[in-house]
């Protein structure tokens, strides 16, 4: 069978390398579905970590001497650590490290209203309880009655 020779147009205008300068079918690059006017979507992990960071920043501002060296890490699930009452929500690693387990905190919470405000309050409460467990004090000794107020 005889091979066809490329046309003059094909020889003069070679196709660009795929993916570098165009989208599908020559229509340009794709844009996001929501457009440029809405904020970027975040996942559960990023939202959880941001709430943890915000709660720790508040607690450090209240008591910088005791909480200056405290470090909080976030993991998905505990390896095998379980208590009689269920799965651990956090684990204390002496002398100053806390590991929060995101999935048990998310999935085992029994919120009466599942909205962002109650979810954030759940994360803040969990961080407060974990830090007070690390310091071996009552949570209300760490923050007096003004938790969340500026």
Protein backbone atom coordinates (compact mmCIF):
# COMPACT_ATOMS: atom_id res chain seq x y z
CA UNK A 1 0.00 0.00 0.00
CA UNK A 2 1.21 3.43 -0.86
CA UNK A 3 1.80 6.03 1.86
CA UNK A 4 0.13 9.39 1.53
CA UNK A 5 2.27 12.43 1.43
CA UNK A 6 1.52 15.20 3.96
CA UNK A 7 -0.25 18.22 2.58
CA UNK A 8 1.37 21.64 2.29
CA UNK A 9 -0.71 22.90 5.22
CA UNK A 10 0.47 20.08 7.46
CA UNK A 11 4.08 20.75 6.57
CA UNK A 12 3.86 24.50 7.16
CA UNK A 13 1.81 24.47 10.40
CA UNK A 14 2.80 21.59 12.67
CA UNK A 15 0.54 20.81 15.62
CA UNK A 16 1.65 22.03 19.01
CA UNK A 17 2.69 19.56 21.65
CA UNK A 18 -0.39 18.35 23.50
CA UNK A 19 -1.24 20.00 26.77
CA UNK A 20 1.12 22.92 26.54
CA UNK A 21 -0.87 25.61 24.81
CA UNK A 22 -4.46 24.54 24.38
CA UNK A 23 -7.34 22.65 25.86
CA UNK A 24 -9.44 20.02 24.19
CA UNK A 25 -10.52 20.62 20.59
CA UNK A 26 -8.69 23.92 20.36
CA UNK A 27 -11.06 25.79 22.70
CA UNK A 28 -8.42 27.05 25.08
CA UNK A 29 -7.65 26.09 28.64
CA UNK A 30 -10.41 24.93 30.94
CA UNK A 31 -11.60 27.16 33.73
CA UNK A 32 -13.01 26.20 37.10
CA UNK A 33 -16.68 25.31 37.27
CA UNK A 34 -17.43 27.93 39.91
CA UNK A 35 -15.64 30.72 38.11
CA UNK A 36 -13.25 33.27 39.57
CA UNK A 37 -15.81 34.87 41.91
CA UNK A 38 -16.14 32.06 44.47
CA UNK A 39 -13.44 30.99 46.92
CA UNK A 40 -11.51 27.82 46.19
CA UNK A 41 -13.02 24.67 47.61
CA UNK A 42 -11.27 23.08 50.55
CA UNK A 43 -11.36 19.52 51.69
CA UNK A 44 -12.24 18.08 55.07
CA UNK A 45 -8.61 17.65 56.07
CA UNK A 46 -7.64 21.25 55.33
CA UNK A 47 -10.70 22.61 57.09
CA UNK A 48 -10.03 20.41 60.14
CA UNK A 49 -6.37 21.46 60.33
CA UNK A 50 -7.31 25.14 60.00
CA UNK A 51 -9.75 24.88 62.91
CA UNK A 52 -7.09 23.14 65.01
CA UNK A 53 -4.55 25.87 64.21
CA UNK A 54 -7.05 28.61 65.07
CA UNK A 55 -7.94 26.97 68.39
CA UNK A 56 -4.27 26.51 69.31
CA UNK A 57 -3.47 30.11 68.37
CA UNK A 58 -6.20 31.28 70.74
CA UNK A 59 -5.03 29.00 73.56
CA UNK A 60 -1.43 30.14 73.10
CA UNK A 61 -2.52 33.76 73.31
CA UNK A 62 -4.32 33.04 76.60
CA UNK A 63 -1.48 31.12 78.26
CA UNK A 64 1.81 31.47 76.38
CA UNK A 65 4.02 30.15 79.24
CA UNK A 66 2.45 26.71 79.45
CA UNK A 67 1.57 26.30 75.77
CA UNK A 68 4.65 27.76 74.08
CA UNK A 69 6.26 24.38 73.39
CA UNK A 70 3.10 22.32 72.82
CA UNK A 71 2.93 20.76 69.37
CA UNK A 72 -0.24 19.36 67.79
CA UNK A 73 -0.17 16.91 64.90
CA UNK A 74 -3.14 15.56 62.97
CA UNK A 75 -3.44 11.94 61.87
CA UNK A 76 -6.33 10.15 60.22
CA UNK A 77 -6.84 7.17 62.53
CA UNK A 78 -5.15 5.66 65.57
CA UNK A 79 -3.12 2.53 64.89
CA UNK A 80 -4.64 0.28 67.50
CA UNK A 81 -5.12 2.48 70.54
CA UNK A 82 -8.61 1.98 71.91
CA UNK A 83 -10.16 2.50 75.30
CA UNK A 84 -13.13 0.71 76.82
CA UNK A 85 -15.41 3.54 75.72
CA UNK A 86 -14.36 3.49 72.05
CA UNK A 87 -11.73 4.86 69.71
CA UNK A 88 -9.24 7.48 70.90
CA UNK A 89 -9.82 11.03 69.72
CA UNK A 90 -6.24 12.07 70.59
CA UNK A 91 -3.01 10.63 71.90
CA UNK A 92 -0.53 12.31 74.24
CA UNK A 93 3.17 11.87 73.42
CA UNK A 94 5.21 13.17 76.37
CA UNK A 95 6.54 15.72 77.03
CA UNK A 96 4.71 18.20 74.80
CA UNK A 97 3.09 16.60 71.74
CA UNK A 98 -0.55 15.84 70.99
CA UNK A 99 -1.76 13.75 68.05
CA UNK A 100 -5.39 14.43 67.10
CA UNK A 101 -7.21 11.74 65.11
CA UNK A 102 -9.39 13.44 62.53
CA UNK A 103 -11.65 10.60 61.41
CA UNK A 104 -12.91 9.57 64.88
CA UNK A 105 -13.51 13.20 65.80
CA UNK A 106 -15.44 13.78 62.57
CA UNK A 107 -17.38 10.54 62.38
CA UNK A 108 -18.19 9.86 66.02
CA UNK A 109 -19.41 13.36 66.81
CA UNK A 110 -23.09 13.53 67.53
CA UNK A 111 -23.85 17.11 66.58
CA UNK A 112 -27.48 18.13 66.89
CA UNK A 113 -27.01 20.53 63.99
CA UNK A 114 -24.44 19.81 61.31
CA UNK A 115 -23.33 23.25 60.24
CA UNK A 116 -19.88 24.91 60.13
CA UNK A 117 -20.39 26.73 63.45
CA UNK A 118 -21.11 23.57 65.44
CA UNK A 119 -18.35 21.68 63.64
CA UNK A 120 -15.82 24.38 64.54
CA UNK A 121 -17.02 24.32 68.17
CA UNK A 122 -16.50 20.55 68.22
CA UNK A 123 -12.90 20.93 67.01
CA UNK A 124 -12.20 23.76 69.49
CA UNK A 125 -13.63 21.68 72.36
CA UNK A 126 -11.53 18.67 71.34
CA UNK A 127 -8.35 20.76 71.19
CA UNK A 128 -9.13 22.28 74.61
CA UNK A 129 -9.71 18.82 76.14
CA UNK A 130 -6.55 17.38 74.58
CA UNK A 131 -4.38 20.28 75.76
CA UNK A 132 -5.83 20.10 79.27
CA UNK A 133 -5.17 16.34 79.25
CA UNK A 134 -1.54 17.00 78.28
CA UNK A 135 -1.11 19.57 81.05
CA UNK A 136 -3.12 17.42 83.51
CA UNK A 137 -5.42 20.28 84.49
CA UNK A 138 -9.11 21.03 84.34
CA UNK A 139 -10.05 22.56 80.94
CA UNK A 140 -11.61 25.59 82.64
CA UNK A 141 -8.36 26.33 84.48
CA UNK A 142 -6.73 26.82 81.09
CA UNK A 143 -9.36 29.26 79.88
CA UNK A 144 -11.61 31.04 82.27
CA UNK A 145 -15.22 31.65 81.31
CA UNK A 146 -14.27 33.70 78.25
CA UNK A 147 -13.46 30.92 75.74
CA UNK A 148 -14.12 32.29 72.28
CA UNK A 149 -14.60 35.91 73.30
CA UNK A 150 -12.16 38.65 72.34
